[in-house]
N, C-alpha and C. Protein backbone atom coordinates (compact mmCIF):
# COMPACT_ATOMS: atom_id res chain seq x y z
N MET A 1 79.00 121.38 77.66
CA MET A 1 79.65 120.77 77.14
C MET A 1 80.73 122.13 76.70
N ASP A 2 81.58 122.41 76.50
CA ASP A 2 81.95 124.18 76.24
C ASP A 2 82.80 123.50 74.50
N ILE A 3 82.24 124.08 73.58
CA ILE A 3 82.82 123.79 72.59
C ILE A 3 84.45 124.88 72.24
N LYS A 4 84.59 125.91 72.72
CA LYS A 4 85.17 126.79 72.60
C LYS A 4 86.70 126.44 73.13
N LEU A 5 86.67 125.21 74.34
CA LEU A 5 87.74 124.31 75.23
C LEU A 5 88.06 123.04 73.92
N ILE A 6 87.21 122.98 73.30
CA ILE A 6 87.52 121.80 72.43
C ILE A 6 88.07 122.27 71.01
N LYS A 7 87.86 123.39 70.59
CA LYS A 7 88.60 124.17 69.80
C LYS A 7 89.98 124.20 69.52
N GLN A 8 89.99 125.30 71.21
CA GLN A 8 91.31 125.83 71.58
C GLN A 8 92.26 124.28 71.71
N SER A 9 91.20 123.23 72.28
CA SER A 9 92.64 122.10 71.72
C SER A 9 92.86 121.29 70.82
N ILE A 10 92.86 121.71 70.18
CA ILE A 10 92.77 121.44 69.33
C ILE A 10 93.29 122.12 67.84
N ILE A 11 93.46 123.38 68.04
CA ILE A 11 94.23 124.92 67.59
C ILE A 11 95.86 124.52 68.25
N THR A 12 95.60 123.90 69.52
CA THR A 12 96.94 124.14 69.97
C THR A 12 97.81 122.28 70.25
N ASP A 13 97.05 122.05 69.64
CA ASP A 13 97.69 120.68 69.14
C ASP A 13 97.56 119.50 70.87
N ASN A 14 96.58 120.10 71.45
CA ASN A 14 97.01 119.48 73.13
C ASN A 14 95.57 118.48 72.81
N TYR A 15 95.61 117.52 72.42
CA TYR A 15 94.55 116.54 71.85
C TYR A 15 94.93 114.97 71.73
N GLU A 16 94.50 113.87 71.70
CA GLU A 16 94.50 112.52 71.32
C GLU A 16 93.56 112.18 70.67
N MET A 17 93.69 111.09 69.47
CA MET A 17 93.24 110.13 68.77
C MET A 17 93.18 109.01 69.47
N SER A 18 92.08 108.22 69.98
CA SER A 18 91.98 106.88 70.28
C SER A 18 92.21 106.07 69.20
N GLN A 19 92.53 104.77 69.39
CA GLN A 19 93.11 103.71 68.42
C GLN A 19 91.88 103.80 67.21
N HIS A 20 90.51 104.04 67.60
CA HIS A 20 89.66 103.46 67.17
C HIS A 20 89.20 104.25 66.29
N ALA A 21 89.34 106.01 66.88
CA ALA A 21 89.67 106.93 66.25
C ALA A 21 90.65 107.05 65.18
N LEU A 22 91.97 107.00 65.24
CA LEU A 22 92.58 106.17 63.65
C LEU A 22 92.52 105.32 63.06
N GLU A 23 91.80 103.67 63.13
CA GLU A 23 91.22 103.23 62.44
C GLU A 23 90.43 103.55 61.63
N ARG A 24 89.33 104.06 62.43
CA ARG A 24 88.21 104.34 61.34
C ARG A 24 88.12 105.76 60.56
N ALA A 25 89.14 106.81 60.99
CA ALA A 25 89.39 107.31 60.10
C ALA A 25 90.53 106.98 59.10
N LEU A 26 91.74 106.14 58.98
CA LEU A 26 91.75 105.24 57.87
C LEU A 26 91.20 104.34 57.19
N GLU A 27 90.23 103.42 57.54
CA GLU A 27 89.56 103.15 56.96
C GLU A 27 88.22 103.83 55.92
N ARG A 28 88.27 104.98 56.34
CA ARG A 28 87.23 105.98 55.81
C ARG A 28 88.44 107.21 55.43
N ASP A 29 88.95 107.20 54.84
CA ASP A 29 89.96 108.06 54.00
C ASP A 29 89.59 109.43 54.24
N ILE A 30 89.56 109.77 55.69
CA ILE A 30 88.99 110.66 56.27
C ILE A 30 90.54 111.57 57.06
N TRP A 31 91.82 112.70 56.63
CA TRP A 31 92.81 113.15 57.33
C TRP A 31 92.97 113.98 58.44
N LYS A 32 93.52 113.68 58.82
CA LYS A 32 93.88 114.98 60.41
C LYS A 32 93.16 115.99 59.95
N GLU A 33 94.00 116.84 59.03
CA GLU A 33 93.46 118.14 59.11
C GLU A 33 92.25 117.98 58.46
N ASP A 34 91.57 117.67 57.88
CA ASP A 34 89.85 117.40 58.24
C ASP A 34 89.66 117.53 58.86
N ILE A 35 89.83 116.67 59.74
CA ILE A 35 89.59 116.19 60.99
C ILE A 35 89.11 117.67 61.91
N GLU A 36 90.75 118.32 61.95
CA GLU A 36 90.74 119.95 62.92
C GLU A 36 89.60 120.24 61.91
N HIS A 37 89.58 120.59 60.97
CA HIS A 37 88.97 121.64 60.39
C HIS A 37 87.63 121.85 60.50
N ALA A 38 87.14 120.38 60.77
CA ALA A 38 85.68 120.23 61.13
C ALA A 38 85.60 120.58 62.46
N ILE A 39 86.49 120.26 63.65
CA ILE A 39 85.99 120.76 64.92
C ILE A 39 86.30 121.96 64.83
N ILE A 40 86.96 122.37 64.07
CA ILE A 40 87.15 124.38 64.93
C ILE A 40 86.31 125.25 63.76
N HIS A 41 85.96 124.82 62.74
CA HIS A 41 84.73 125.55 62.39
C HIS A 41 83.30 124.83 62.30
N GLY A 42 83.26 123.58 63.45
CA GLY A 42 82.34 123.26 63.73
C GLY A 42 81.25 123.35 64.88
N GLU A 43 79.96 122.77 65.29
CA GLU A 43 79.60 122.54 66.15
C GLU A 43 78.59 121.79 67.00
N ILE A 44 78.75 121.14 68.37
CA ILE A 44 78.08 120.32 69.04
C ILE A 44 76.41 120.55 68.59
N ILE A 45 75.98 118.88 68.33
CA ILE A 45 74.98 119.14 67.79
C ILE A 45 73.73 118.08 68.80
N GLU A 46 75.07 117.57 69.48
CA GLU A 46 74.62 115.83 70.84
C GLU A 46 75.66 115.91 71.79
N GLU A 47 75.02 115.93 72.88
CA GLU A 47 75.92 115.74 74.39
C GLU A 47 75.73 114.74 74.65
N TYR A 48 76.61 113.46 75.31
CA TYR A 48 76.39 112.97 76.39
C TYR A 48 77.33 112.80 77.16
N GLU A 49 76.59 113.48 78.28
CA GLU A 49 76.92 114.13 79.83
C GLU A 49 77.13 112.18 80.50
N ASP A 50 76.35 111.27 80.35
CA ASP A 50 76.72 110.27 80.66
C ASP A 50 77.41 109.27 80.37
N ASP A 51 78.37 109.38 79.35
CA ASP A 51 79.24 108.32 78.76
C ASP A 51 79.98 108.01 79.62
N LYS A 52 80.62 106.92 79.73
CA LYS A 52 81.91 106.56 80.57
C LYS A 52 82.61 105.65 79.83
N PRO A 53 84.00 106.56 80.19
CA PRO A 53 84.62 106.53 81.50
C PRO A 53 84.61 107.97 81.51
N TYR A 54 84.20 108.95 80.49
CA TYR A 54 83.85 110.34 80.60
C TYR A 54 82.43 111.05 79.33
N PRO A 55 82.86 112.01 79.72
CA PRO A 55 81.32 113.07 78.76
C PRO A 55 81.57 113.28 77.84
N SER A 56 80.66 112.90 76.65
CA SER A 56 81.28 113.25 75.38
C SER A 56 80.57 114.23 74.62
N CYS A 57 80.74 114.03 73.58
CA CYS A 57 79.65 114.87 72.55
C CYS A 57 80.19 114.84 71.05
N LEU A 58 78.91 115.10 70.09
CA LEU A 58 78.80 114.49 68.62
C LEU A 58 79.00 116.46 67.91
N ILE A 59 80.46 116.50 67.50
CA ILE A 59 80.57 117.35 66.13
C ILE A 59 79.88 117.14 64.82
N TYR A 60 79.83 118.38 64.59
CA TYR A 60 78.94 117.98 63.58
C TYR A 60 79.86 119.48 62.83
N GLY A 61 80.73 119.13 61.67
CA GLY A 61 81.42 119.85 60.72
C GLY A 61 81.92 119.46 59.16
N LYS A 62 82.48 120.36 59.02
CA LYS A 62 83.05 119.75 57.71
C LYS A 62 84.38 119.87 56.96
N ASP A 63 84.31 118.95 56.40
CA ASP A 63 86.31 119.15 56.28
C ASP A 63 86.70 119.89 54.93
N LYS A 64 87.85 120.02 54.65
CA LYS A 64 88.09 121.43 53.49
C LYS A 64 87.80 121.62 52.17
N LYS A 65 87.04 120.14 51.59
CA LYS A 65 86.27 120.25 50.48
C LYS A 65 85.34 120.21 50.85
N GLY A 66 84.19 120.63 52.10
CA GLY A 66 82.56 120.84 52.46
C GLY A 66 82.33 119.57 52.75
N THR A 67 82.48 118.34 52.81
CA THR A 67 81.95 117.40 53.35
C THR A 67 81.65 117.15 54.49
N PRO A 68 80.13 116.78 54.85
CA PRO A 68 80.34 116.45 56.24
C PRO A 68 80.39 115.49 56.83
N ILE A 69 81.12 115.66 57.90
CA ILE A 69 82.10 115.04 58.64
C ILE A 69 81.03 115.00 60.71
N HIS A 70 81.75 113.64 60.89
CA HIS A 70 80.88 113.55 62.83
C HIS A 70 81.95 113.29 63.77
N VAL A 71 82.41 114.26 64.23
CA VAL A 71 83.18 113.40 65.54
C VAL A 71 82.95 113.46 66.81
N VAL A 72 83.07 112.35 67.75
CA VAL A 72 82.74 111.97 68.72
C VAL A 72 83.72 112.45 69.53
N CYS A 73 83.90 113.67 70.25
CA CYS A 73 85.11 113.83 71.47
C CYS A 73 84.18 113.35 72.84
N ALA A 74 85.64 113.37 74.00
CA ALA A 74 85.54 112.75 75.12
C ALA A 74 86.36 114.11 76.27
N PHE A 75 85.65 114.37 76.98
CA PHE A 75 86.13 115.44 77.76
C PHE A 75 86.83 114.37 79.06
N SER A 76 88.16 113.87 78.61
CA SER A 76 88.85 113.54 79.64
C SER A 76 90.17 114.40 80.17
N PRO A 77 91.05 114.21 80.64
CA PRO A 77 92.04 115.00 81.17
C PRO A 77 92.55 116.02 80.03
N ILE A 78 91.89 115.24 78.62
CA ILE A 78 92.55 116.20 77.95
C ILE A 78 91.54 115.50 76.51
N ILE A 79 91.66 116.51 75.91
CA ILE A 79 90.21 116.57 74.72
C ILE A 79 90.43 115.19 74.04
N ARG A 80 90.06 114.31 73.81
CA ARG A 80 90.44 112.69 73.19
C ARG A 80 89.39 112.59 72.09
N ILE A 81 89.58 112.06 71.40
CA ILE A 81 88.44 111.72 69.59
C ILE A 81 88.45 110.64 69.86
N ILE A 82 86.82 110.17 69.74
CA ILE A 82 86.93 108.50 70.17
C ILE A 82 86.31 108.16 68.54
N THR A 83 86.06 108.84 67.89
CA THR A 83 85.39 108.23 66.60
C THR A 83 85.10 109.50 65.44
N ILE A 84 85.17 108.79 64.16
CA ILE A 84 84.79 110.34 62.91
C ILE A 84 84.10 109.09 62.34
N TYR A 85 83.16 109.50 61.37
CA TYR A 85 82.64 109.34 60.33
C TYR A 85 81.86 110.39 59.32
N SER A 86 81.60 109.51 58.10
CA SER A 86 80.72 110.77 57.33
C SER A 86 79.22 110.00 57.40
N PRO A 87 78.43 111.32 57.80
CA PRO A 87 76.79 110.61 58.80
C PRO A 87 76.29 110.36 56.96
N GLN A 88 75.25 109.69 57.46
CA GLN A 88 74.62 109.38 55.95
C GLN A 88 73.17 110.50 55.86
N GLU A 89 73.05 110.88 54.84
CA GLU A 89 72.16 111.75 54.70
C GLU A 89 70.87 111.21 55.19
N ASP A 90 70.33 109.77 54.70
CA ASP A 90 69.11 109.53 55.37
C ASP A 90 68.61 109.07 56.37
N LYS A 91 69.79 109.41 57.44
CA LYS A 91 69.78 109.25 58.63
C LYS A 91 69.86 110.56 60.14
N TRP A 92 69.84 111.67 59.05
CA TRP A 92 70.23 113.01 59.43
C TRP A 92 69.44 113.62 58.73
N ILE A 93 68.98 115.33 59.58
CA ILE A 93 68.18 116.23 58.73
C ILE A 93 69.63 117.58 58.81
N ASP A 94 69.69 118.21 57.78
CA ASP A 94 71.25 118.98 57.41
C ASP A 94 72.12 118.32 58.02
N TYR A 95 72.16 117.22 57.86
CA TYR A 95 73.60 116.63 59.10
C TYR A 95 73.72 116.48 61.06
N LYS A 96 72.32 117.59 61.17
CA LYS A 96 72.34 118.23 62.53
C LYS A 96 71.63 117.31 63.63
N ARG A 97 70.63 116.61 62.63
CA ARG A 97 69.17 116.09 63.27
C ARG A 97 68.98 115.01 63.04
N ARG A 98 68.90 114.12 64.17
CA ARG A 98 68.15 112.47 63.43
C ARG A 98 67.24 112.50 63.03
N LYS A 99 67.21 111.35 62.18
CA LYS A 99 65.24 111.49 61.57
C LYS A 99 64.80 110.40 62.25
């Protein structure tokens, strides 16, 4: 998976958010600017090549305040944000590797 392609899509506002991602962002009080910041300054920590209908990946980044965020992006014809959440510290090592 190409993190540069994802970052460029975010920078040029050439991406979409799923309804699920919009709902999760609202309920978790995560703003669009923070999602974009986390992706642009983040890294891919897991890849899901066999996801359907499109391959996807998990990106670890931080919002503008430094709070860890995980973002799942799919590689459809356009980059699509599938979901967003704040990782639970007790389930991750440095928020990058599952315990």
